[in-house]
Amino acid sequence: MPKAKGKSRRQKYSYNLNRKRLYRSARRRAAPRIACSHIRHAWDPTKSVAQNLAEMGLAEDPNKAVPIPRVLGMEVESNGRGQGKKIVRKPYVVNEMEYEASLPEKKSNTLSRDLIDYVRYMIQNHGENYKEMARDEKNYYQDTPKQIKRKINVYKNFYPEEYKDFVASLKQEKMDVQ
């Protein structure tokens, strides 16, 4: 199929187009990306960033919010400006953010099911003998005794109760066999 007639021609540069003005106006129109949902809901697009943050009781510039005093010898300098009282019109934003920050973190670290099965198999068949574990046929990745020991310790740290119950059940099985 033939190409369109004008497509193969080189594009001509337009000297009359002011690209700086176009670029600046596009940047001005773009709204700031806000990650926190509390701030996003309280944001007023008609106001500036500084005005929005001041209304919420947040600082635009952290260096101005908490000034670091300069130490010269034993003297502490302070800037002579007296900061006036700021009016916080949307205090709920800061309160919600503080509440969210005070919640405990959820541990999202888990081990894969394969690793758990591998460790349990090794402990069940070999106990604490890591050299024997390294020679086992189920050791597909050819882990060294130290690597296997490390994996078992990781399992102990992630699931301490489960590990204790597992070892207790193994001891119970040995007692039944004898």
N, C-alpha and C. Protein backbone atom coordinates (compact mmCIF):
# COMPACT_ATOMS: atom_id res chain seq x y z
N MET A 1 0.85 -1.17 0.00
CA MET A 1 0.00 0.00 0.00
C MET A 1 0.90 1.24 0.00
N PRO A 2 0.64 2.23 -0.84
CA PRO A 2 1.50 3.40 -0.93
C PRO A 2 1.32 4.31 0.28
N LYS A 3 2.37 5.10 0.56
CA LYS A 3 2.33 6.04 1.67
C LYS A 3 1.54 7.29 1.27
N ALA A 4 1.07 8.01 2.29
CA ALA A 4 0.40 9.29 2.03
C ALA A 4 1.43 10.27 1.50
N LYS A 5 0.99 11.18 0.66
CA LYS A 5 1.91 12.05 -0.07
C LYS A 5 2.75 12.95 0.84
N GLY A 6 2.18 13.56 1.86
CA GLY A 6 2.90 14.53 2.68
C GLY A 6 3.69 13.91 3.82
N LYS A 7 3.53 12.64 4.09
CA LYS A 7 4.15 12.02 5.25
C LYS A 7 5.67 11.90 5.14
N SER A 8 6.18 11.70 3.96
CA SER A 8 7.62 11.49 3.82
C SER A 8 8.41 12.78 3.86
N ARG A 9 7.72 13.91 3.75
CA ARG A 9 8.42 15.19 3.78
C ARG A 9 8.83 15.58 5.19
N ARG A 10 9.92 16.33 5.26
CA ARG A 10 10.43 16.81 6.55
C ARG A 10 9.52 17.92 7.07
N GLN A 11 9.28 17.92 8.41
CA GLN A 11 8.46 18.97 9.02
C GLN A 11 9.25 20.27 9.05
N LYS A 12 8.60 21.38 8.74
CA LYS A 12 9.28 22.68 8.76
C LYS A 12 9.16 23.31 10.14
N TYR A 13 10.23 23.94 10.57
CA TYR A 13 10.25 24.61 11.86
C TYR A 13 9.54 25.95 11.74
N SER A 14 8.60 26.19 12.67
CA SER A 14 7.86 27.45 12.66
C SER A 14 8.57 28.46 13.55
N TYR A 15 9.11 29.49 12.94
CA TYR A 15 9.85 30.50 13.69
C TYR A 15 8.93 31.46 14.41
N ASN A 16 7.67 31.53 14.04
CA ASN A 16 6.73 32.48 14.62
C ASN A 16 6.09 31.97 15.91
N LEU A 17 6.28 30.71 16.24
CA LEU A 17 5.63 30.12 17.41
C LEU A 17 6.49 30.34 18.66
N ASN A 18 5.89 30.92 19.71
CA ASN A 18 6.61 31.16 20.96
C ASN A 18 6.43 29.94 21.87
N ARG A 19 7.42 29.08 21.91
CA ARG A 19 7.32 27.83 22.65
C ARG A 19 7.47 28.04 24.16
N LYS A 20 8.18 29.06 24.58
CA LYS A 20 8.35 29.32 26.01
C LYS A 20 7.02 29.63 26.66
N ARG A 21 6.23 30.46 26.02
CA ARG A 21 4.94 30.84 26.57
C ARG A 21 4.02 29.63 26.67
N LEU A 22 4.03 28.77 25.66
CA LEU A 22 3.19 27.57 25.67
C LEU A 22 3.59 26.64 26.80
N TYR A 23 4.88 26.46 26.99
CA TYR A 23 5.38 25.56 28.01
C TYR A 23 5.03 26.06 29.41
N ARG A 24 5.21 27.39 29.64
CA ARG A 24 4.93 27.96 30.95
C ARG A 24 3.45 27.86 31.29
N SER A 25 2.57 28.15 30.34
CA SER A 25 1.14 28.11 30.63
C SER A 25 0.67 26.69 30.90
N ALA A 26 1.26 25.71 30.23
CA ALA A 26 0.88 24.32 30.48
C ALA A 26 1.31 23.90 31.88
N ARG A 27 2.48 24.36 32.35
CA ARG A 27 2.95 24.01 33.68
C ARG A 27 2.11 24.68 34.75
N ARG A 28 1.65 25.91 34.49
CA ARG A 28 0.87 26.64 35.47
C ARG A 28 -0.49 25.98 35.69
N ARG A 29 -1.07 25.44 34.62
CA ARG A 29 -2.40 24.85 34.71
C ARG A 29 -2.40 23.51 35.45
N ALA A 30 -1.29 22.81 35.45
CA ALA A 30 -1.25 21.48 36.04
C ALA A 30 -1.42 21.57 37.56
N ALA A 31 -2.33 20.77 38.10
CA ALA A 31 -2.56 20.75 39.54
C ALA A 31 -1.48 19.91 40.20
N PRO A 32 -1.13 20.24 41.43
CA PRO A 32 -0.09 19.45 42.11
C PRO A 32 -0.60 18.05 42.42
N ARG A 33 0.31 17.09 42.37
CA ARG A 33 -0.06 15.71 42.70
C ARG A 33 -0.03 15.58 44.21
N ILE A 34 -1.14 15.17 44.78
CA ILE A 34 -1.26 15.06 46.22
C ILE A 34 -1.47 13.60 46.58
N ALA A 35 -0.56 13.07 47.40
CA ALA A 35 -0.62 11.65 47.74
C ALA A 35 -1.60 11.38 48.88
N CYS A 36 -1.68 12.26 49.85
CA CYS A 36 -2.51 12.05 51.03
C CYS A 36 -3.96 12.38 50.71
N SER A 37 -4.87 11.46 51.01
CA SER A 37 -6.28 11.66 50.67
C SER A 37 -6.91 12.78 51.50
N HIS A 38 -6.44 12.97 52.74
CA HIS A 38 -7.01 14.02 53.58
C HIS A 38 -6.72 15.40 52.98
N ILE A 39 -5.51 15.58 52.51
CA ILE A 39 -5.14 16.85 51.91
C ILE A 39 -5.88 17.03 50.58
N ARG A 40 -6.00 15.95 49.81
CA ARG A 40 -6.65 16.02 48.51
C ARG A 40 -8.11 16.48 48.65
N HIS A 41 -8.80 16.00 49.68
CA HIS A 41 -10.21 16.36 49.86
C HIS A 41 -10.38 17.79 50.36
N ALA A 42 -9.41 18.29 51.11
CA ALA A 42 -9.52 19.65 51.64
C ALA A 42 -8.91 20.69 50.71
N TRP A 43 -8.33 20.26 49.61
CA TRP A 43 -7.63 21.16 48.69
C TRP A 43 -8.61 22.05 47.95
N ASP A 44 -8.28 23.35 47.86
CA ASP A 44 -9.08 24.32 47.11
C ASP A 44 -8.28 24.73 45.88
N PRO A 45 -8.69 24.33 44.67
CA PRO A 45 -7.89 24.62 43.47
C PRO A 45 -7.81 26.09 43.11
N THR A 46 -8.69 26.91 43.70
CA THR A 46 -8.65 28.34 43.37
C THR A 46 -7.57 29.07 44.15
N LYS A 47 -7.03 28.43 45.20
CA LYS A 47 -6.02 29.08 46.03
C LYS A 47 -4.64 28.54 45.71
N SER A 48 -3.62 29.26 46.14
CA SER A 48 -2.25 28.84 45.90
C SER A 48 -1.87 27.70 46.86
N VAL A 49 -0.74 27.10 46.60
CA VAL A 49 -0.27 26.01 47.44
C VAL A 49 -0.03 26.51 48.86
N ALA A 50 0.62 27.67 48.98
CA ALA A 50 0.92 28.23 50.30
C ALA A 50 -0.36 28.53 51.08
N GLN A 51 -1.37 29.08 50.42
CA GLN A 51 -2.63 29.39 51.09
C GLN A 51 -3.34 28.12 51.54
N ASN A 52 -3.37 27.10 50.67
CA ASN A 52 -4.02 25.83 51.02
C ASN A 52 -3.35 25.19 52.23
N LEU A 53 -2.03 25.12 52.21
CA LEU A 53 -1.31 24.48 53.31
C LEU A 53 -1.45 25.28 54.60
N ALA A 54 -1.48 26.61 54.50
CA ALA A 54 -1.63 27.44 55.70
C ALA A 54 -3.01 27.23 56.32
N GLU A 55 -4.04 27.08 55.51
CA GLU A 55 -5.38 26.83 56.02
C GLU A 55 -5.49 25.50 56.74
N MET A 56 -4.71 24.53 56.29
CA MET A 56 -4.74 23.20 56.91
C MET A 56 -3.84 23.11 58.13
N GLY A 57 -3.01 24.11 58.35
CA GLY A 57 -2.10 24.09 59.48
C GLY A 57 -0.81 23.35 59.16
N LEU A 58 -0.50 23.20 57.88
CA LEU A 58 0.71 22.52 57.45
C LEU A 58 1.73 23.55 56.97
N ALA A 59 2.98 23.16 56.98
CA ALA A 59 4.05 24.08 56.58
C ALA A 59 4.40 23.88 55.12
N GLU A 60 4.57 24.97 54.40
CA GLU A 60 5.00 24.90 53.01
C GLU A 60 6.50 24.64 52.95
N ASP A 61 7.24 25.35 53.80
CA ASP A 61 8.69 25.20 53.84
C ASP A 61 9.08 24.71 55.23
N PRO A 62 9.59 23.48 55.34
CA PRO A 62 9.92 22.95 56.67
C PRO A 62 11.03 23.73 57.37
N ASN A 63 11.89 24.38 56.61
CA ASN A 63 12.97 25.16 57.22
C ASN A 63 12.43 26.40 57.93
N LYS A 64 11.33 26.95 57.43
CA LYS A 64 10.73 28.10 58.08
C LYS A 64 9.85 27.67 59.25
N ALA A 65 9.26 26.48 59.15
CA ALA A 65 8.38 25.99 60.20
C ALA A 65 9.16 25.65 61.47
N VAL A 66 10.27 24.96 61.30
CA VAL A 66 11.11 24.58 62.44
C VAL A 66 12.51 25.07 62.14
N PRO A 67 12.80 26.33 62.49
CA PRO A 67 14.12 26.86 62.16
C PRO A 67 15.22 26.18 62.97
N ILE A 68 16.34 25.94 62.32
CA ILE A 68 17.49 25.36 62.98
C ILE A 68 18.38 26.50 63.45
N PRO A 69 18.58 26.63 64.76
CA PRO A 69 19.41 27.73 65.25
C PRO A 69 20.87 27.50 64.88
N ARG A 70 21.54 28.57 64.49
CA ARG A 70 22.95 28.48 64.14
C ARG A 70 23.77 28.73 65.39
N VAL A 71 24.68 27.84 65.65
CA VAL A 71 25.48 27.93 66.86
C VAL A 71 26.85 28.49 66.50
N LEU A 72 27.20 29.62 67.10
CA LEU A 72 28.53 30.22 66.92
C LEU A 72 29.17 30.29 68.29
N GLY A 73 30.11 29.44 68.54
CA GLY A 73 30.71 29.38 69.86
C GLY A 73 29.67 28.86 70.83
N MET A 74 29.25 29.69 71.77
CA MET A 74 28.22 29.30 72.72
C MET A 74 26.94 30.11 72.51
N GLU A 75 26.97 31.06 71.57
CA GLU A 75 25.81 31.91 71.35
C GLU A 75 24.87 31.26 70.33
N VAL A 76 23.60 31.49 70.50
CA VAL A 76 22.60 30.99 69.57
C VAL A 76 21.96 32.18 68.89
N GLU A 77 22.05 32.22 67.57
CA GLU A 77 21.44 33.32 66.82
C GLU A 77 19.97 33.00 66.58
N SER A 78 19.17 34.01 66.58
CA SER A 78 17.77 33.82 66.21
C SER A 78 17.38 34.98 65.30
N ASN A 79 16.53 34.70 64.33
CA ASN A 79 16.15 35.78 63.43
C ASN A 79 15.19 36.71 64.19
N GLY A 80 15.33 37.98 63.95
CA GLY A 80 14.60 38.99 64.70
C GLY A 80 13.14 39.12 64.32
N ARG A 81 12.73 38.40 63.28
CA ARG A 81 11.34 38.52 62.84
C ARG A 81 10.41 37.87 63.85
N GLY A 82 9.35 38.53 64.17
CA GLY A 82 8.33 37.95 65.04
C GLY A 82 7.25 37.34 64.16
N GLN A 83 7.01 36.09 64.35
CA GLN A 83 6.01 35.44 63.51
C GLN A 83 4.63 35.67 64.11
N GLY A 84 3.72 36.12 63.28
CA GLY A 84 2.37 36.36 63.74
C GLY A 84 1.60 35.06 63.88
N LYS A 85 0.46 35.13 64.53
CA LYS A 85 -0.36 33.94 64.72
C LYS A 85 -1.00 33.55 63.38
N LYS A 86 -0.97 32.26 63.09
CA LYS A 86 -1.59 31.77 61.86
C LYS A 86 -2.96 31.21 62.20
N ILE A 87 -3.91 31.48 61.34
CA ILE A 87 -5.26 30.99 61.54
C ILE A 87 -5.41 29.68 60.78
N VAL A 88 -5.75 28.63 61.49
CA VAL A 88 -5.94 27.32 60.87
C VAL A 88 -7.44 27.11 60.69
N ARG A 89 -7.88 27.10 59.43
CA ARG A 89 -9.30 26.98 59.14
C ARG A 89 -9.74 25.53 58.93
N LYS A 90 -8.77 24.66 58.64
CA LYS A 90 -9.10 23.24 58.41
C LYS A 90 -8.25 22.36 59.31
N PRO A 91 -8.47 22.41 60.62
CA PRO A 91 -7.62 21.63 61.54
C PRO A 91 -7.87 20.13 61.44
N TYR A 92 -9.02 19.73 60.90
CA TYR A 92 -9.33 18.30 60.81
C TYR A 92 -8.34 17.55 59.93
N VAL A 93 -7.71 18.23 58.98
CA VAL A 93 -6.73 17.58 58.10
C VAL A 93 -5.54 17.10 58.92
N VAL A 94 -5.01 17.97 59.76
CA VAL A 94 -3.86 17.60 60.59
C VAL A 94 -4.26 16.53 61.59
N ASN A 95 -5.45 16.66 62.17
CA ASN A 95 -5.92 15.67 63.15
C ASN A 95 -6.04 14.29 62.52
N GLU A 96 -6.60 14.23 61.31
CA GLU A 96 -6.75 12.94 60.62
C GLU A 96 -5.39 12.35 60.27
N MET A 97 -4.45 13.21 59.85
CA MET A 97 -3.12 12.72 59.50
C MET A 97 -2.39 12.20 60.74
N GLU A 98 -2.54 12.90 61.88
CA GLU A 98 -1.91 12.45 63.12
C GLU A 98 -2.51 11.12 63.57
N TYR A 99 -3.84 10.98 63.45
CA TYR A 99 -4.49 9.73 63.83
C TYR A 99 -4.00 8.57 62.96
N GLU A 100 -3.91 8.82 61.66
CA GLU A 100 -3.44 7.80 60.73
C GLU A 100 -2.00 7.41 61.01
N ALA A 101 -1.17 8.38 61.39
CA ALA A 101 0.23 8.09 61.69
C ALA A 101 0.38 7.33 63.01
N SER A 102 -0.58 7.49 63.93
CA SER A 102 -0.48 6.82 65.23
C SER A 102 -0.90 5.36 65.17
N LEU A 103 -1.57 4.95 64.09
CA LEU A 103 -1.99 3.55 63.98
C LEU A 103 -0.77 2.64 63.83
N PRO A 104 -0.81 1.47 64.44
CA PRO A 104 0.35 0.57 64.30
C PRO A 104 0.44 0.02 62.88
N GLU A 105 1.68 -0.22 62.46
CA GLU A 105 1.90 -0.74 61.12
C GLU A 105 1.56 -2.22 61.07
N LYS A 106 0.99 -2.64 59.96
CA LYS A 106 0.72 -4.05 59.76
C LYS A 106 1.97 -4.69 59.18
N LYS A 107 2.32 -5.85 59.70
CA LYS A 107 3.46 -6.56 59.14
C LYS A 107 3.00 -7.27 57.88
N SER A 108 3.55 -6.85 56.78
CA SER A 108 3.18 -7.45 55.51
C SER A 108 4.22 -8.45 55.04
N ASN A 109 5.25 -8.67 55.88
CA ASN A 109 6.30 -9.60 55.49
C ASN A 109 5.82 -11.03 55.74
N THR A 110 5.80 -11.81 54.71
CA THR A 110 5.47 -13.22 54.85
C THR A 110 6.44 -14.03 54.02
N LEU A 111 6.53 -15.27 54.35
CA LEU A 111 7.38 -16.18 53.59
C LEU A 111 6.53 -16.92 52.58
N SER A 112 7.16 -17.37 51.51
CA SER A 112 6.42 -18.10 50.49
C SER A 112 6.03 -19.47 51.03
N ARG A 113 4.96 -19.99 50.49
CA ARG A 113 4.48 -21.31 50.91
C ARG A 113 5.54 -22.37 50.62
N ASP A 114 6.27 -22.23 49.51
CA ASP A 114 7.31 -23.20 49.14
C ASP A 114 8.41 -23.23 50.19
N LEU A 115 8.84 -22.05 50.64
CA LEU A 115 9.92 -21.98 51.62
C LEU A 115 9.48 -22.60 52.95
N ILE A 116 8.24 -22.34 53.34
CA ILE A 116 7.72 -22.90 54.59
C ILE A 116 7.68 -24.43 54.49
N ASP A 117 7.19 -24.94 53.38
CA ASP A 117 7.14 -26.40 53.19
C ASP A 117 8.53 -27.00 53.19
N TYR A 118 9.47 -26.33 52.53
CA TYR A 118 10.86 -26.80 52.45
C TYR A 118 11.48 -26.89 53.84
N VAL A 119 11.32 -25.83 54.63
CA VAL A 119 11.91 -25.80 55.97
C VAL A 119 11.27 -26.87 56.85
N ARG A 120 9.96 -27.00 56.79
CA ARG A 120 9.27 -28.00 57.61
C ARG A 120 9.70 -29.41 57.21
N TYR A 121 9.86 -29.66 55.93
CA TYR A 121 10.31 -30.98 55.46
C TYR A 121 11.71 -31.29 56.00
N MET A 122 12.60 -30.29 55.90
CA MET A 122 13.98 -30.50 56.35
C MET A 122 14.04 -30.77 57.85
N ILE A 123 13.29 -29.99 58.63
CA ILE A 123 13.30 -30.19 60.08
C ILE A 123 12.68 -31.54 60.43
N GLN A 124 11.63 -31.89 59.74
CA GLN A 124 10.93 -33.15 60.02
C GLN A 124 11.83 -34.35 59.75
N ASN A 125 12.60 -34.32 58.67
CA ASN A 125 13.41 -35.48 58.29
C ASN A 125 14.80 -35.48 58.89
N HIS A 126 15.37 -34.30 59.20
CA HIS A 126 16.76 -34.26 59.62
C HIS A 126 17.00 -33.59 60.97
N GLY A 127 15.97 -33.02 61.57
CA GLY A 127 16.14 -32.37 62.87
C GLY A 127 17.05 -31.16 62.76
N GLU A 128 18.17 -31.17 63.47
CA GLU A 128 19.11 -30.05 63.48
C GLU A 128 20.38 -30.34 62.68
N ASN A 129 20.41 -31.41 61.94
CA ASN A 129 21.60 -31.80 61.18
C ASN A 129 21.60 -31.10 59.82
N TYR A 130 22.31 -29.97 59.72
CA TYR A 130 22.29 -29.15 58.51
C TYR A 130 23.11 -29.77 57.38
N LYS A 131 24.14 -30.52 57.73
CA LYS A 131 24.94 -31.18 56.69
C LYS A 131 24.12 -32.24 55.97
N GLU A 132 23.32 -32.95 56.72
CA GLU A 132 22.44 -33.95 56.11
C GLU A 132 21.39 -33.27 55.23
N MET A 133 20.89 -32.14 55.70
CA MET A 133 19.89 -31.39 54.92
C MET A 133 20.48 -30.95 53.59
N ALA A 134 21.76 -30.55 53.59
CA ALA A 134 22.40 -30.09 52.36
C ALA A 134 22.52 -31.22 51.35
N ARG A 135 22.63 -32.48 51.83
CA ARG A 135 22.77 -33.63 50.94
C ARG A 135 21.42 -34.25 50.54
N ASP A 136 20.34 -33.71 51.08
CA ASP A 136 19.01 -34.27 50.80
C ASP A 136 18.64 -34.05 49.34
N GLU A 137 17.87 -34.98 48.79
CA GLU A 137 17.48 -34.87 47.38
C GLU A 137 16.46 -33.77 47.12
N LYS A 138 15.76 -33.34 48.16
CA LYS A 138 14.79 -32.23 48.00
C LYS A 138 15.47 -30.86 48.03
N ASN A 139 16.77 -30.84 48.25
CA ASN A 139 17.52 -29.59 48.26
C ASN A 139 17.82 -29.22 46.79
N TYR A 140 16.78 -28.79 46.08
CA TYR A 140 16.89 -28.56 44.63
C TYR A 140 17.87 -27.45 44.29
N TYR A 141 17.92 -26.42 45.12
CA TYR A 141 18.77 -25.27 44.82
C TYR A 141 20.19 -25.44 45.35
N GLN A 142 20.49 -26.61 45.86
CA GLN A 142 21.82 -26.95 46.37
C GLN A 142 22.30 -25.93 47.40
N ASP A 143 21.44 -25.66 48.37
CA ASP A 143 21.80 -24.75 49.46
C ASP A 143 22.87 -25.38 50.33
N THR A 144 23.76 -24.55 50.82
CA THR A 144 24.80 -25.02 51.74
C THR A 144 24.18 -25.16 53.13
N PRO A 145 24.85 -25.85 54.05
CA PRO A 145 24.30 -25.98 55.40
C PRO A 145 24.01 -24.63 56.07
N LYS A 146 24.90 -23.66 55.85
CA LYS A 146 24.66 -22.34 56.45
C LYS A 146 23.43 -21.65 55.85
N GLN A 147 23.23 -21.81 54.53
CA GLN A 147 22.06 -21.21 53.89
C GLN A 147 20.78 -21.83 54.43
N ILE A 148 20.80 -23.14 54.61
CA ILE A 148 19.62 -23.83 55.14
C ILE A 148 19.37 -23.37 56.58
N LYS A 149 20.42 -23.25 57.36
CA LYS A 149 20.27 -22.80 58.74
C LYS A 149 19.67 -21.39 58.78
N ARG A 150 20.12 -20.53 57.87
CA ARG A 150 19.60 -19.17 57.79
C ARG A 150 18.11 -19.18 57.44
N LYS A 151 17.72 -20.04 56.50
CA LYS A 151 16.31 -20.13 56.12
C LYS A 151 15.46 -20.61 57.29
N ILE A 152 15.98 -21.56 58.05
CA ILE A 152 15.25 -22.06 59.21
C ILE A 152 15.12 -20.97 60.26
N ASN A 153 16.18 -20.18 60.45
CA ASN A 153 16.12 -19.07 61.43
C ASN A 153 15.12 -18.01 60.98
N VAL A 154 15.05 -17.75 59.70
CA VAL A 154 14.06 -16.79 59.19
C VAL A 154 12.66 -17.30 59.48
N TYR A 155 12.44 -18.58 59.26
CA TYR A 155 11.13 -19.18 59.54
C TYR A 155 10.81 -19.08 61.04
N LYS A 156 11.81 -19.32 61.90
CA LYS A 156 11.61 -19.21 63.35
C LYS A 156 11.22 -17.79 63.74
N ASN A 157 11.86 -16.80 63.11
CA ASN A 157 11.58 -15.41 63.45
C ASN A 157 10.21 -14.94 62.96
N PHE A 158 9.79 -15.43 61.80
CA PHE A 158 8.52 -14.99 61.24
C PHE A 158 7.33 -15.67 61.91
N TYR A 159 7.48 -16.94 62.20
CA TYR A 159 6.38 -17.71 62.78
C TYR A 159 6.84 -18.45 64.03
N PRO A 160 7.11 -17.73 65.14
CA PRO A 160 7.65 -18.41 66.34
C PRO A 160 6.67 -19.41 66.96
N GLU A 161 5.38 -19.06 67.04
CA GLU A 161 4.40 -19.97 67.65
C GLU A 161 4.21 -21.21 66.79
N GLU A 162 4.11 -20.98 65.48
CA GLU A 162 3.94 -22.10 64.56
C GLU A 162 5.14 -23.05 64.63
N TYR A 163 6.34 -22.49 64.75
CA TYR A 163 7.55 -23.31 64.84
C TYR A 163 7.55 -24.13 66.12
N LYS A 164 7.18 -23.51 67.26
CA LYS A 164 7.14 -24.23 68.53
C LYS A 164 6.14 -25.38 68.48
N ASP A 165 4.96 -25.11 67.90
CA ASP A 165 3.95 -26.16 67.78
C ASP A 165 4.44 -27.29 66.89
N PHE A 166 5.12 -26.94 65.82
CA PHE A 166 5.63 -27.95 64.88
C PHE A 166 6.68 -28.83 65.55
N VAL A 167 7.62 -28.23 66.29
CA VAL A 167 8.67 -28.99 66.97
C VAL A 167 8.04 -29.86 68.06
N ALA A 168 7.04 -29.33 68.77
CA ALA A 168 6.36 -30.11 69.80
C ALA A 168 5.65 -31.32 69.19
N SER A 169 5.03 -31.14 68.03
CA SER A 169 4.35 -32.27 67.38
C SER A 169 5.36 -33.32 66.92
N LEU A 170 6.54 -32.87 66.49
CA LEU A 170 7.58 -33.83 66.09
C LEU A 170 8.06 -34.64 67.29
N LYS A 171 8.22 -34.00 68.44
CA LYS A 171 8.63 -34.72 69.65
C LYS A 171 7.57 -35.73 70.06
N GLN A 172 6.31 -35.34 69.89
CA GLN A 172 5.18 -36.22 70.23
C GLN A 172 5.21 -37.45 69.33
N GLU A 173 5.49 -37.26 68.05
CA GLU A 173 5.56 -38.38 67.10
C GLU A 173 6.67 -39.33 67.49
N LYS A 174 7.85 -38.79 67.88
CA LYS A 174 8.97 -39.64 68.27
C LYS A 174 8.63 -40.46 69.51
N MET A 175 7.89 -39.85 70.45
CA MET A 175 7.48 -40.56 71.66
C MET A 175 6.53 -41.71 71.32
N ASP A 176 5.62 -41.47 70.35
CA ASP A 176 4.67 -42.50 69.95
C ASP A 176 5.36 -43.66 69.27
N VAL A 177 6.40 -43.38 68.46
CA VAL A 177 7.11 -44.41 67.71
C VAL A 177 7.87 -45.33 68.68
N GLN A 178 8.46 -44.74 69.72
CA GLN A 178 9.23 -45.54 70.68
C GLN A 178 8.28 -46.30 71.54
